[in-house]
Amino acid sequence: MQEEVLQSKGVSRRKFLGYAGGLAGAGLLIASCKKEENPAPADGTTDLGTNDNGLLNLLFVMQQIEVGFYEQLLNNKFAGMTDQQEAYFKEMLDHEIAHRELLRNYLQGKGTVVQTDFSSVTFSSLDNTLKNAEVIENLAVATLNEAGRLFVAGEHVTLAAKLASVEARQAATISNMLRKGNFFGPVDVSGSEQGSLPSNSVTTINKFLVTKVSGNNLPNK
């Protein structure tokens, strides 16, 4: 079933949608994820680390942003939110909490804990809320796509694929809320979603963080 899941430049959301969302086997290779000690960047940001461990830490930060977003969304509901929309958002929040805690355990509690900042989001506006949700969800999928290519350990590639299968369904749901019948994010000419290099992902996620992070030591090619 997992043939052609990961491609060098992108992963088809349609392929990911066929995968189970289960996260069995997530405890594998915990020992290989020992936190490397890297000096704090000169600009005061928090360095995410190197190699597979750094990539897992990047994903951990991404999940914290998603959890924070849906928590704030549900605590500041836009006018006219339907029961079905609220149910979707609650389910998404539950998924993101599960992903966050999975990665926290993978990193043996040594992952970078961040404080989120959504002051740029107008949660009272359905359109603005959904547009920001779409940015965050598409970024999560793109980051996982590229992490899957950059990971060295095969177990981490499998983990990225399983996480992405859930994130892709959520991104598709948000896209459909914004534009009825549109379930796909940005794709290339082959119909595959392009990945987001860690350096590009860090630039975007910093917009939603109080204390900024640095991916200068993460693999980028």
C-alpha atoms as a PDB file:
ATOM      1  CA  MET A   1       0.000   0.000   0.000  1.00  0.00           C
ATOM      2  CA  GLN A   2       2.860   2.371   0.728  1.00  0.00           C
ATOM      3  CA  GLU A   3       4.459   2.279  -2.720  1.00  0.00           C
ATOM      4  CA  GLU A   4       5.388   5.679  -4.091  1.00  0.00           C
ATOM      5  CA  VAL A   5       4.327   7.406  -0.873  1.00  0.00           C
ATOM      6  CA  LEU A   6       7.336   9.657  -0.796  1.00  0.00           C
ATOM      7  CA  GLN A   7       8.699  11.393  -3.862  1.00  0.00           C
ATOM      8  CA  SER A   8      11.762  13.590  -4.137  1.00  0.00           C
ATOM      9  CA  LYS A   9       9.786  16.768  -4.766  1.00  0.00           C
ATOM     10  CA  GLY A  10       6.334  16.126  -3.390  1.00  0.00           C
ATOM     11  CA  VAL A  11       3.671  13.745  -2.187  1.00  0.00           C
ATOM     12  CA  SER A  12       0.208  13.441  -3.635  1.00  0.00           C
ATOM     13  CA  ARG A  13      -2.500  14.271  -1.125  1.00  0.00           C
ATOM     14  CA  ARG A  14      -4.687  11.773  -2.927  1.00  0.00           C
ATOM     15  CA  LYS A  15      -2.151   9.039  -2.085  1.00  0.00           C
ATOM     16  CA  PHE A  16      -1.956  10.147   1.536  1.00  0.00           C
ATOM     17  CA  LEU A  17      -5.731  10.108   1.899  1.00  0.00           C
ATOM     18  CA  GLY A  18      -5.673   6.363   1.400  1.00  0.00           C
ATOM     19  CA  TYR A  19      -3.461   5.701   4.400  1.00  0.00           C
ATOM     20  CA  ALA A  20      -4.638   4.767   7.859  1.00  0.00           C
ATOM     21  CA  GLY A  21      -4.308   7.437  10.491  1.00  0.00           C
ATOM     22  CA  GLY A  22      -3.067   4.994  13.125  1.00  0.00           C
ATOM     23  CA  LEU A  23       0.251   5.764  14.750  1.00  0.00           C
ATOM     24  CA  ALA A  24       1.257   2.265  15.811  1.00  0.00           C
ATOM     25  CA  GLY A  25       4.944   1.658  16.315  1.00  0.00           C
ATOM     26  CA  ALA A  26       5.658   5.241  17.268  1.00  0.00           C
ATOM     27  CA  GLY A  27       7.960   4.164  20.082  1.00  0.00           C
ATOM     28  CA  LEU A  28      10.605   2.820  17.695  1.00  0.00           C
ATOM     29  CA  LEU A  29      14.052   4.361  17.625  1.00  0.00           C
ATOM     30  CA  ILE A  30      13.489   6.647  20.602  1.00  0.00           C
ATOM     31  CA  ALA A  31      17.068   6.006  21.566  1.00  0.00           C
ATOM     32  CA  SER A  32      18.228   7.406  18.226  1.00  0.00           C
ATOM     33  CA  CYS A  33      16.507  10.733  18.952  1.00  0.00           C
ATOM     34  CA  LYS A  34      18.857  11.895  21.696  1.00  0.00           C
ATOM     35  CA  LYS A  35      18.844  15.674  21.892  1.00  0.00           C
ATOM     36  CA  GLU A  36      21.997  17.238  20.506  1.00  0.00           C
ATOM     37  CA  GLU A  37      23.324  20.241  22.353  1.00  0.00           C
ATOM     38  CA  ASN A  38      23.626  23.168  19.961  1.00  0.00           C
ATOM     39  CA  PRO A  39      24.627  26.676  20.969  1.00  0.00           C
ATOM     40  CA  ALA A  40      21.845  29.259  20.970  1.00  0.00           C
ATOM     41  CA  PRO A  41      21.874  31.321  17.757  1.00  0.00           C
ATOM     42  CA  ALA A  42      23.316  34.804  18.118  1.00  0.00           C
ATOM     43  CA  ASP A  43      19.944  36.407  17.374  1.00  0.00           C
ATOM     44  CA  GLY A  44      18.375  34.888  20.472  1.00  0.00           C
ATOM     45  CA  THR A  45      16.186  32.352  18.676  1.00  0.00           C
ATOM     46  CA  THR A  46      15.978  28.755  19.860  1.00  0.00           C
ATOM     47  CA  ASP A  47      17.869  26.279  17.688  1.00  0.00           C
ATOM     48  CA  LEU A  48      15.851  23.195  16.742  1.00  0.00           C
ATOM     49  CA  GLY A  49      18.792  20.831  16.424  1.00  0.00           C
ATOM     50  CA  THR A  50      20.288  18.693  13.698  1.00  0.00           C
ATOM     51  CA  ASN A  51      19.625  15.604  11.600  1.00  0.00           C
ATOM     52  CA  ASP A  52      16.572  13.397  12.297  1.00  0.00           C
ATOM     53  CA  ASN A  53      16.274  14.700  15.853  1.00  0.00           C
ATOM     54  CA  GLY A  54      16.079  18.298  14.643  1.00  0.00           C
ATOM     55  CA  LEU A  55      13.459  17.419  12.038  1.00  0.00           C
ATOM     56  CA  LEU A  56      11.348  15.687  14.685  1.00  0.00           C
ATOM     57  CA  ASN A  57      11.701  18.799  16.838  1.00  0.00           C
ATOM     58  CA  LEU A  58      10.508  20.966  13.942  1.00  0.00           C
ATOM     59  CA  LEU A  59       7.446  18.738  13.590  1.00  0.00           C
ATOM     60  CA  PHE A  60       6.883  18.979  17.355  1.00  0.00           C
ATOM     61  CA  VAL A  61       6.850  22.791  17.151  1.00  0.00           C
ATOM     62  CA  MET A  62       4.496  22.620  14.161  1.00  0.00           C
ATOM     63  CA  GLN A  63       2.050  20.476  16.147  1.00  0.00           C
ATOM     64  CA  GLN A  64       2.135  22.891  19.078  1.00  0.00           C
ATOM     65  CA  ILE A  65       1.134  25.686  16.696  1.00  0.00           C
ATOM     66  CA  GLU A  66      -1.751  23.621  15.350  1.00  0.00           C
ATOM     67  CA  VAL A  67      -2.962  22.730  18.848  1.00  0.00           C
ATOM     68  CA  GLY A  68      -2.790  26.376  19.914  1.00  0.00           C
ATOM     69  CA  PHE A  69      -4.636  27.509  16.792  1.00  0.00           C
ATOM     70  CA  TYR A  70      -7.593  25.154  17.201  1.00  0.00           C
ATOM     71  CA  GLU A  71      -7.803  25.814  20.939  1.00  0.00           C
ATOM     72  CA  GLN A  72      -8.018  29.538  20.304  1.00  0.00           C
ATOM     73  CA  LEU A  73     -10.441  29.038  17.420  1.00  0.00           C
ATOM     74  CA  LEU A  74     -12.830  27.055  19.630  1.00  0.00           C
ATOM     75  CA  ASN A  75     -12.507  29.575  22.459  1.00  0.00           C
ATOM     76  CA  ASN A  76     -13.226  32.470  20.067  1.00  0.00           C
ATOM     77  CA  LYS A  77     -15.826  31.073  17.684  1.00  0.00           C
ATOM     78  CA  PHE A  78     -16.608  33.080  14.592  1.00  0.00           C
ATOM     79  CA  ALA A  79     -20.218  34.163  14.152  1.00  0.00           C
ATOM     80  CA  GLY A  80     -22.380  31.528  12.531  1.00  0.00           C
ATOM     81  CA  MET A  81     -20.129  28.543  13.250  1.00  0.00           C
ATOM     82  CA  THR A  82     -22.271  25.480  12.588  1.00  0.00           C
ATOM     83  CA  ASP A  83     -22.413  22.408  14.809  1.00  0.00           C
ATOM     84  CA  GLN A  84     -20.765  20.410  12.030  1.00  0.00           C
ATOM     85  CA  GLN A  85     -17.905  22.902  11.704  1.00  0.00           C
ATOM     86  CA  GLU A  86     -17.396  22.906  15.468  1.00  0.00           C
ATOM     87  CA  ALA A  87     -17.313  19.095  15.467  1.00  0.00           C
ATOM     88  CA  TYR A  88     -14.680  19.127  12.718  1.00  0.00           C
ATOM     89  CA  PHE A  89     -12.523  21.615  14.619  1.00  0.00           C
ATOM     90  CA  LYS A  90     -12.780  19.614  17.845  1.00  0.00           C
ATOM     91  CA  GLU A  91     -11.746  16.459  16.008  1.00  0.00           C
ATOM     92  CA  MET A  92      -8.819  18.285  14.430  1.00  0.00           C
ATOM     93  CA  LEU A  93      -7.738  19.559  17.843  1.00  0.00           C
ATOM     94  CA  ASP A  94      -7.834  16.017  19.237  1.00  0.00           C
ATOM     95  CA  HIS A  95      -5.659  14.803  16.352  1.00  0.00           C
ATOM     96  CA  GLU A  96      -3.138  17.590  16.843  1.00  0.00           C
ATOM     97  CA  ILE A  97      -2.893  16.920  20.575  1.00  0.00           C
ATOM     98  CA  ALA A  98      -2.226  13.235  19.823  1.00  0.00           C
ATOM     99  CA  HIS A  99       0.476  14.204  17.302  1.00  0.00           C
ATOM    100  CA  ARG A 100       2.051  16.681  19.720  1.00  0.00           C
ATOM    101  CA  GLU A 101       2.247  14.163  22.552  1.00  0.00           C
ATOM    102  CA  LEU A 102       3.544  11.440  20.249  1.00  0.00           C
ATOM    103  CA  LEU A 103       6.417  13.675  19.166  1.00  0.00           C
ATOM    104  CA  ARG A 104       7.024  14.847  22.735  1.00  0.00           C
ATOM    105  CA  ASN A 105       7.540  11.200  23.694  1.00  0.00           C
ATOM    106  CA  TYR A 106       9.725  10.561  20.661  1.00  0.00           C
ATOM    107  CA  LEU A 107      11.946  13.408  21.819  1.00  0.00           C
ATOM    108  CA  GLN A 108      11.939  12.039  25.383  1.00  0.00           C
ATOM    109  CA  GLY A 109      10.483  15.276  26.720  1.00  0.00           C
ATOM    110  CA  LYS A 110      13.425  17.320  25.411  1.00  0.00           C
ATOM    111  CA  GLY A 111      11.678  18.918  22.446  1.00  0.00           C
ATOM    112  CA  THR A 112      11.432  22.687  22.112  1.00  0.00           C
ATOM    113  CA  VAL A 113       8.320  23.984  23.888  1.00  0.00           C
ATOM    114  CA  VAL A 114       7.058  27.204  22.314  1.00  0.00           C
ATOM    115  CA  GLN A 115       4.559  29.949  23.095  1.00  0.00           C
ATOM    116  CA  THR A 116       2.187  30.679  20.231  1.00  0.00           C
ATOM    117  CA  ASP A 117       1.023  34.082  18.995  1.00  0.00           C
ATOM    118  CA  PHE A 118      -2.115  34.334  16.865  1.00  0.00           C
ATOM    119  CA  SER A 119      -2.579  38.085  17.159  1.00  0.00           C
ATOM    120  CA  SER A 120      -2.510  38.271  13.358  1.00  0.00           C
ATOM    121  CA  VAL A 121      -5.596  36.049  13.092  1.00  0.00           C
ATOM    122  CA  THR A 122      -9.106  37.508  13.281  1.00  0.00           C
ATOM    123  CA  PHE A 123     -10.940  34.577  14.855  1.00  0.00           C
ATOM    124  CA  SER A 124     -14.242  36.460  14.750  1.00  0.00           C
ATOM    125  CA  SER A 125     -14.081  36.262  10.941  1.00  0.00           C
ATOM    126  CA  LEU A 126     -14.925  32.944   9.296  1.00  0.00           C
ATOM    127  CA  ASP A 127     -12.961  33.839   6.158  1.00  0.00           C
ATOM    128  CA  ASN A 128      -9.813  35.005   7.965  1.00  0.00           C
ATOM    129  CA  THR A 129      -9.889  32.061  10.355  1.00  0.00           C
ATOM    130  CA  LEU A 130     -10.227  29.501   7.575  1.00  0.00           C
ATOM    131  CA  LYS A 131      -7.551  31.149   5.431  1.00  0.00           C
ATOM    132  CA  ASN A 132      -5.077  30.988   8.311  1.00  0.00           C
ATOM    133  CA  ALA A 133      -6.127  27.425   9.095  1.00  0.00           C
ATOM    134  CA  GLU A 134      -5.472  26.517   5.476  1.00  0.00           C
ATOM    135  CA  VAL A 135      -2.003  28.096   5.586  1.00  0.00           C
ATOM    136  CA  ILE A 136      -1.122  26.187   8.753  1.00  0.00           C
ATOM    137  CA  GLU A 137      -2.529  22.840   7.587  1.00  0.00           C
ATOM    138  CA  ASN A 138      -0.944  23.040   4.126  1.00  0.00           C
ATOM    139  CA  LEU A 139       2.362  23.968   5.749  1.00  0.00           C
ATOM    140  CA  ALA A 140       2.119  20.970   8.083  1.00  0.00           C
ATOM    141  CA  VAL A 141       1.589  18.644   5.115  1.00  0.00           C
ATOM    142  CA  ALA A 142       4.403  20.246   3.098  1.00  0.00           C
ATOM    143  CA  THR A 143       6.792  20.092   6.057  1.00  0.00           C
ATOM    144  CA  LEU A 144       6.009  16.416   6.602  1.00  0.00           C
ATOM    145  CA  ASN A 145       6.435  15.729   2.880  1.00  0.00           C
ATOM    146  CA  GLU A 146       9.939  17.168   2.911  1.00  0.00           C
ATOM    147  CA  ALA A 147      10.852  15.660   6.288  1.00  0.00           C
ATOM    148  CA  GLY A 148       9.927  12.260   4.872  1.00  0.00           C
ATOM    149  CA  ARG A 149      12.517  12.790   2.154  1.00  0.00           C
ATOM    150  CA  LEU A 150      15.185  14.113   4.527  1.00  0.00           C
ATOM    151  CA  PHE A 151      14.870  11.587   7.350  1.00  0.00           C
ATOM    152  CA  VAL A 152      17.641   8.991   7.561  1.00  0.00           C
ATOM    153  CA  ALA A 153      15.855   6.420   9.731  1.00  0.00           C
ATOM    154  CA  GLY A 154      13.205   4.440   7.889  1.00  0.00           C
ATOM    155  CA  GLU A 155      10.953   4.408  10.952  1.00  0.00           C
ATOM    156  CA  HIS A 156      10.881   8.209  10.870  1.00  0.00           C
ATOM    157  CA  VAL A 157       9.857   8.166   7.211  1.00  0.00           C
ATOM    158  CA  THR A 158       6.963   5.878   8.119  1.00  0.00           C
ATOM    159  CA  LEU A 159       6.000   8.152  11.000  1.00  0.00           C
ATOM    160  CA  ALA A 160       5.978  11.201   8.702  1.00  0.00           C
ATOM    161  CA  ALA A 161       3.709   9.381   6.229  1.00  0.00           C
ATOM    162  CA  LYS A 162       1.239   8.409   8.953  1.00  0.00           C
ATOM    163  CA  LEU A 163       1.126  11.912  10.398  1.00  0.00           C
ATOM    164  CA  ALA A 164       0.750  13.409   6.922  1.00  0.00           C
ATOM    165  CA  SER A 165      -2.216  11.165   6.130  1.00  0.00           C
ATOM    166  CA  VAL A 166      -4.145  12.793   8.970  1.00  0.00           C
ATOM    167  CA  GLU A 167      -2.877  16.326   8.282  1.00  0.00           C
ATOM    168  CA  ALA A 168      -3.787  16.004   4.599  1.00  0.00           C
ATOM    169  CA  ARG A 169      -7.375  15.054   5.416  1.00  0.00           C
ATOM    170  CA  GLN A 170      -7.627  18.041   7.719  1.00  0.00           C
ATOM    171  CA  ALA A 171      -6.155  20.378   5.108  1.00  0.00           C
ATOM    172  CA  ALA A 172      -8.648  19.020   2.579  1.00  0.00           C
ATOM    173  CA  THR A 173     -11.528  19.646   4.979  1.00  0.00           C
ATOM    174  CA  ILE A 174     -10.451  23.244   5.543  1.00  0.00           C
ATOM    175  CA  SER A 175     -10.049  23.832   1.790  1.00  0.00           C
ATOM    176  CA  ASN A 176     -13.558  22.488   1.220  1.00  0.00           C
ATOM    177  CA  MET A 177     -14.941  24.827   3.893  1.00  0.00           C
ATOM    178  CA  LEU A 178     -13.365  27.764   2.073  1.00  0.00           C
ATOM    179  CA  ARG A 179     -14.142  26.686  -1.471  1.00  0.00           C
ATOM    180  CA  LYS A 180     -16.850  24.059  -1.741  1.00  0.00           C
ATOM    181  CA  GLY A 181     -15.650  21.061  -3.718  1.00  0.00           C
ATOM    182  CA  ASN A 182     -11.952  21.983  -3.496  1.00  0.00           C
ATOM    183  CA  PHE A 183     -10.069  19.372  -1.476  1.00  0.00           C
ATOM    184  CA  PHE A 184      -6.534  19.989  -2.683  1.00  0.00           C
ATOM    185  CA  GLY A 185      -3.722  22.304  -1.720  1.00  0.00           C
ATOM    186  CA  PRO A 186      -0.984  23.695  -3.996  1.00  0.00           C
ATOM    187  CA  VAL A 187       0.301  21.047  -6.415  1.00  0.00           C
ATOM    188  CA  ASP A 188       2.919  20.883  -9.154  1.00  0.00           C
ATOM    189  CA  VAL A 189       2.341  19.960 -12.810  1.00  0.00           C
ATOM    190  CA  SER A 190       2.278  16.252 -11.940  1.00  0.00           C
ATOM    191  CA  GLY A 191      -0.496  16.739  -9.383  1.00  0.00           C
ATOM    192  CA  SER A 192       1.808  16.143  -6.420  1.00  0.00           C
ATOM    193  CA  GLU A 193       2.155  18.497  -3.480  1.00  0.00           C
ATOM    194  CA  GLN A 194       5.596  19.976  -3.126  1.00  0.00           C
ATOM    195  CA  GLY A 195       7.417  19.738   0.166  1.00  0.00           C
ATOM    196  CA  SER A 196       8.575  22.683   2.226  1.00  0.00           C
ATOM    197  CA  LEU A 197      12.258  22.795   3.141  1.00  0.00           C
ATOM    198  CA  PRO A 198      12.812  23.157   6.896  1.00  0.00           C
ATOM    199  CA  SER A 199      14.283  26.643   6.412  1.00  0.00           C
ATOM    200  CA  ASN A 200      11.124  27.786   4.598  1.00  0.00           C
ATOM    201  CA  SER A 201       8.835  26.156   7.158  1.00  0.00           C
ATOM    202  CA  VAL A 202      10.674  27.871  10.015  1.00  0.00           C
ATOM    203  CA  THR A 203      10.186  31.272   8.366  1.00  0.00           C
ATOM    204  CA  THR A 204       6.423  30.741   8.254  1.00  0.00           C
ATOM    205  CA  ILE A 205       5.918  29.171  11.682  1.00  0.00           C
ATOM    206  CA  ASN A 206       7.848  32.011  13.325  1.00  0.00           C
ATOM    207  CA  LYS A 207       4.933  34.268  12.362  1.00  0.00           C
ATOM    208  CA  PHE A 208       2.845  32.333  14.893  1.00  0.00           C
ATOM    209  CA  LEU A 209       5.429  32.215  17.702  1.00  0.00           C
ATOM    210  CA  VAL A 210       6.391  34.565  20.521  1.00  0.00           C
ATOM    211  CA  THR A 211       9.912  33.151  20.889  1.00  0.00           C
ATOM    212  CA  LYS A 212      11.311  32.455  17.459  1.00  0.00           C
ATOM    213  CA  VAL A 213      13.070  29.265  16.421  1.00  0.00           C
ATOM    214  CA  SER A 214      16.035  28.662  14.139  1.00  0.00           C
ATOM    215  CA  GLY A 215      16.425  25.823  11.650  1.00  0.00           C
ATOM    216  CA  ASN A 216      19.939  26.796  10.582  1.00  0.00           C
ATOM    217  CA  ASN A 217      21.316  23.374  11.584  1.00  0.00           C
ATOM    218  CA  LEU A 218      18.542  21.304  10.041  1.00  0.00           C
ATOM    219  CA  PRO A 219      19.115  19.307   6.849  1.00  0.00           C
ATOM    220  CA  ASN A 220      17.952  21.270   3.821  1.00  0.00           C
ATOM    221  CA  LYS A 221      18.905  19.209   0.794  1.00  0.00           C
END
